[in-house]
Structure formats: structure tokens, C-alpha cells
Amino acid sequence: MSSVLSLAVVGCVVVAEAQSKFPLKVDIDVSTKRENKNIGAGKDGQARVEQVQVRVKIHKSGGQPYTKPIHGELYVIGKQIQTGYYAVIDVQKGSGVFSKENDNSFEYKSPFYSLPRTSGNINVGGTYETYLVVVTDEEGNIIGTRCGRSISDKGIAFIRELGSETLFDRDGNVIGKLENPGKAFKKAVPAAVNPGNDD
């Protein structure tokens, strides 16, 4: 069953407001489309796959006219079931300009991510957890950020630096680099559908 979960009112919203230096203000809207599927079950547990797509919309909400490119960085964040740690699944970037033609807004989407996980005797894999969006100007100055859970400024800086290798705890403290990012949320799913040994 497919559903769209708006996270526009969840988590933290931080907007840079250096009025004298950078008067532009933006609204950042983030929503996710999620679908869960059973892919099998056996003696050792049940396997499911969660498919997730994240959409970002950036709207100019105030300040002087601004015609230069604006850039959005989307960090899709998952939780590893076996460790309880959080990691960046993927980084998606989009760019656009504000104009009357596009109603001073632009948006972009991530691809769909498939995140297998298991339950029962083998409890591994991962799930989608949250997001981080950072909006910058063409010189790299941060205009605003939005995240689905509280992440410290230091944590945001580490996530931006390490990208998909970031591994951190529930408080947003970066604890190291993630090995094999592409496999981090897909471990041992085949074991869950193994019928096992009846002996």
C-alpha cells in the first residue's frame, strides 16, 4: 500500500537570516512516498522490502529579487536494524532559479530506494528514517536547512563532508565512516527466507 507522508511539520527547521548580508529567505518542503512489500518467510524470519522516494520543494518566501542559481542537497537517512546506528543511504542534489514562471519555486526527487529488512531469529537490514536538506547559493553559503529529526550544526557539517559514508547515532553525533554504503541496509535478507534445517 502506497502512502505519501508529509514531513513538512516534523523535525527541525533552521533558516539562515543574515539580513544585512544575505536577505533571501526560503521555505523547504519535504515529503516521502513509502511502500512496504513482503518478499518471503522461512523458519529463520520474515523478509520485507521498503521502497522509499523523497521529494524536495524549495520556495522563495521573502527577501529581495534573486535570480542566481540555488542548490539543494538532499541526504536520505536510514537506520541499521542490527546496530541501531543511522547512515546516509544516498545524496541527491538539485539546482534551480526563482522566477515568476515557476512561482519562485523548484523541486526535485530522489530515485526509489529498496531497503530490505528481516525480523524473527535474524533481525538485520535497514529502514528509512529521516532526511536532511541543505540549501545553498552558488558560492556555497547556506541559506537554510531542514531535517526530520534534530541534528546539530556539527553533525550537519560532518554529514555534508562525508556524504554517503556518514555513520551517526540518534543524537546526531557522527561516530565514524560507514563501510560499504551500498550494502549497509541489505545484509542477510536471503537468510530470512532460508527454510532452515528440520533436523
Protein backbone atom coordinates (compact mmCIF):
# COMPACT_ATOMS: atom_id res chain seq x y z
CA MET A 1 0.00 0.00 0.00
CA SER A 2 1.46 3.29 -1.11
CA SER A 3 1.26 6.39 1.01
CA VAL A 4 2.64 9.88 0.99
CA LEU A 5 3.86 11.08 4.37
CA SER A 6 4.44 14.79 4.59
CA LEU A 7 7.25 15.68 6.92
CA ALA A 8 6.78 19.40 6.46
CA VAL A 9 5.83 19.93 10.10
CA VAL A 10 8.10 17.29 11.65
CA GLY A 11 11.60 17.81 12.93
CA CYS A 12 13.73 20.87 12.78
CA VAL A 13 13.68 23.88 10.51
CA VAL A 14 16.66 26.18 10.56
CA VAL A 15 16.74 29.18 8.26
CA ALA A 16 19.73 31.46 7.87
CA GLU A 17 18.62 35.04 8.38
CA ALA A 18 21.68 37.20 7.94
CA GLN A 19 19.56 40.08 6.74
CA SER A 20 22.33 42.55 6.09
CA LYS A 21 24.50 40.07 4.20
CA PHE A 22 22.03 37.65 2.65
CA PRO A 23 18.37 38.75 2.74
CA LEU A 24 16.97 35.77 0.80
CA LYS A 25 14.53 33.55 2.70
CA VAL A 26 13.34 30.12 1.58
CA ASP A 27 10.75 27.57 2.62
CA ILE A 28 11.83 23.93 2.29
CA ASP A 29 9.11 21.31 1.93
CA VAL A 30 9.97 17.61 2.09
CA SER A 31 7.69 14.63 1.57
CA THR A 32 8.27 10.91 1.23
CA LYS A 33 6.48 8.18 -0.68
CA ARG A 34 6.78 4.78 1.02
CA GLU A 35 5.65 1.26 0.20
CA ASN A 36 6.27 -2.00 2.07
CA LYS A 37 6.26 -5.45 0.48
CA ASN A 38 6.68 -8.95 1.87
CA ILE A 39 9.28 -10.88 -0.10
CA GLY A 40 9.24 -14.19 1.74
CA ALA A 41 9.36 -16.01 5.03
CA GLY A 42 11.01 -19.07 6.45
CA LYS A 43 11.94 -20.69 9.75
CA ASP A 44 14.51 -18.01 10.45
CA GLY A 45 12.30 -14.99 9.95
CA GLN A 46 10.30 -12.84 7.56
CA ALA A 47 11.76 -10.56 4.90
CA ARG A 48 10.26 -7.29 3.75
CA VAL A 49 11.35 -4.55 1.39
CA GLU A 50 10.56 -0.90 1.97
CA GLN A 51 10.61 1.30 -1.13
CA VAL A 52 11.14 5.00 -0.48
CA GLN A 53 11.25 8.11 -2.63
CA VAL A 54 11.91 11.60 -1.23
CA ARG A 55 10.74 14.87 -2.83
CA VAL A 56 12.17 18.31 -2.08
CA LYS A 57 10.50 21.61 -2.96
CA ILE A 58 12.27 24.92 -2.35
CA HIS A 59 10.27 28.14 -2.44
CA LYS A 60 11.47 31.75 -2.17
CA SER A 61 9.46 33.11 0.75
CA GLY A 62 10.99 36.56 1.22
CA GLY A 63 13.81 38.96 0.61
CA GLN A 64 14.94 40.86 -2.42
CA PRO A 65 14.60 39.52 -6.00
CA TYR A 66 17.16 36.78 -6.54
CA THR A 67 17.95 35.37 -9.99
CA LYS A 68 21.15 33.41 -9.37
CA PRO A 69 21.07 29.59 -9.13
CA ILE A 70 20.07 27.96 -5.85
CA HIS A 71 21.28 24.48 -4.91
CA GLY A 72 19.63 21.81 -2.75
CA GLU A 73 21.43 18.91 -1.10
CA LEU A 74 19.21 16.02 -0.02
CA TYR A 75 20.65 13.41 2.36
CA VAL A 76 18.39 10.36 2.64
CA ILE A 77 18.98 8.73 6.02
CA GLY A 78 18.27 5.17 7.14
CA LYS A 79 18.62 3.17 10.33
CA GLN A 80 20.56 -0.09 10.53
CA ILE A 81 18.48 -2.60 12.45
CA GLN A 82 21.44 -4.69 13.55
CA THR A 83 23.43 -1.79 15.04
CA GLY A 84 20.84 0.88 15.81
CA TYR A 85 23.05 3.44 14.08
CA TYR A 86 21.96 5.82 11.36
CA ALA A 87 23.62 6.23 7.99
CA VAL A 88 23.22 8.24 4.80
CA ILE A 89 21.65 5.99 2.17
CA ASP A 90 22.22 8.40 -0.69
CA VAL A 91 22.85 12.03 -1.58
CA GLN A 92 20.77 13.75 -4.25
CA LYS A 93 21.42 17.29 -5.46
CA GLY A 94 19.21 19.64 -7.42
CA SER A 95 19.50 23.19 -8.71
CA GLY A 96 17.12 25.85 -9.92
CA VAL A 97 16.35 29.55 -10.16
CA PHE A 98 13.46 31.54 -8.76
CA SER A 99 11.24 33.21 -11.35
CA LYS A 100 7.64 34.24 -11.91
CA GLU A 101 7.32 31.40 -14.41
CA ASN A 102 7.97 28.75 -11.77
CA ASP A 103 6.18 30.64 -8.97
CA ASN A 104 9.55 31.27 -7.29
CA SER A 105 9.89 27.53 -6.60
CA PHE A 106 11.67 24.47 -7.88
CA GLU A 107 11.65 20.84 -6.84
CA TYR A 108 13.39 17.55 -7.45
CA LYS A 109 13.02 13.92 -6.40
CA SER A 110 15.27 11.10 -5.41
CA PRO A 111 15.06 7.73 -7.15
CA PHE A 112 13.20 4.93 -5.35
CA TYR A 113 15.36 3.13 -2.78
CA SER A 114 14.73 -0.51 -1.86
CA LEU A 115 15.62 -1.23 1.77
CA PRO A 116 15.29 -4.91 2.72
CA ARG A 117 14.98 -5.94 6.35
CA THR A 118 14.20 -9.08 8.29
CA SER A 119 12.53 -9.98 11.55
CA GLY A 120 12.44 -13.03 13.75
CA ASN A 121 15.58 -15.01 14.51
CA ILE A 122 17.54 -12.85 12.07
CA ASN A 123 16.86 -9.18 12.70
CA VAL A 124 19.01 -7.23 10.26
CA GLY A 125 18.84 -4.86 7.30
CA GLY A 126 17.58 -1.31 7.49
CA THR A 127 14.69 1.12 7.24
CA TYR A 128 14.20 4.66 6.02
CA GLU A 129 14.42 7.02 8.99
CA THR A 130 14.60 10.69 8.02
CA TYR A 131 16.24 13.28 5.78
CA LEU A 132 18.44 16.34 5.79
CA VAL A 133 18.14 19.13 3.21
CA VAL A 134 20.70 21.91 2.89
CA VAL A 135 20.03 24.86 0.57
CA THR A 136 22.97 26.97 -0.61
CA ASP A 137 23.68 29.78 -3.03
CA GLU A 138 26.12 29.43 -5.93
CA GLU A 139 29.02 30.41 -3.66
CA GLY A 140 28.23 27.65 -1.16
CA ASN A 141 26.71 29.87 1.55
CA ILE A 142 23.96 28.07 3.48
CA ILE A 143 20.58 29.74 3.08
CA GLY A 144 18.58 27.24 5.09
CA THR A 145 18.35 23.65 6.28
CA ARG A 146 15.54 21.26 7.13
CA CYS A 147 15.72 17.87 8.80
CA GLY A 148 13.25 15.29 10.04
CA ARG A 149 14.98 14.96 13.43
CA SER A 150 17.27 17.16 15.45
CA ILE A 151 20.81 17.17 14.06
CA SER A 152 23.41 19.53 15.49
CA ASP A 153 25.28 22.03 13.31
CA LYS A 154 28.41 19.94 13.86
CA GLY A 155 26.55 16.82 12.77
CA ILE A 156 25.26 18.55 9.65
CA ALA A 157 28.80 19.63 8.78
CA PHE A 158 30.07 16.04 9.13
CA ILE A 159 27.20 14.65 7.06
CA ARG A 160 27.93 17.14 4.28
CA GLU A 161 31.64 16.31 4.41
CA LEU A 162 31.34 12.52 4.50
CA GLY A 163 28.18 12.15 2.39
CA SER A 164 27.07 8.56 1.96
CA GLU A 165 29.88 7.33 4.22
CA THR A 166 28.42 9.05 7.30
CA LEU A 167 27.52 6.88 10.32
CA PHE A 168 25.97 8.54 13.38
CA ASP A 169 23.86 7.92 16.45
CA ARG A 170 20.31 9.01 17.29
CA ASP A 171 21.57 12.28 18.80
CA GLY A 172 23.22 13.30 15.53
CA ASN A 173 26.72 12.58 16.78
CA VAL A 174 28.90 11.29 13.95
CA ILE A 175 30.65 8.15 15.15
CA GLY A 176 32.63 7.14 12.09
CA LYS A 177 32.57 6.17 8.44
CA LEU A 178 30.17 3.64 7.03
CA GLU A 179 31.83 0.74 5.26
CA ASN A 180 30.25 -0.47 2.01
CA PRO A 181 27.39 2.08 1.93
CA GLY A 182 25.64 0.20 -0.87
CA LYS A 183 25.37 -2.98 1.23
CA ALA A 184 24.77 -1.46 4.65
CA PHE A 185 20.99 -1.87 4.53
CA LYS A 186 20.81 -5.15 2.60
CA LYS A 187 22.67 -7.68 4.73
CA ALA A 188 21.37 -11.21 5.35
CA VAL A 189 17.96 -10.85 3.73
CA PRO A 190 18.43 -14.18 1.86
CA ALA A 191 18.97 -15.88 5.22
CA ALA A 192 15.50 -14.88 6.35
CA VAL A 193 13.82 -16.86 3.59
CA ASN A 194 16.06 -19.90 4.07
CA PRO A 195 13.73 -22.71 5.19
CA GLY A 196 16.46 -23.96 7.51
CA ASN A 197 17.19 -27.48 8.64
CA ASP A 198 14.39 -29.55 10.16
CA ASP A 199 16.86 -31.87 11.91
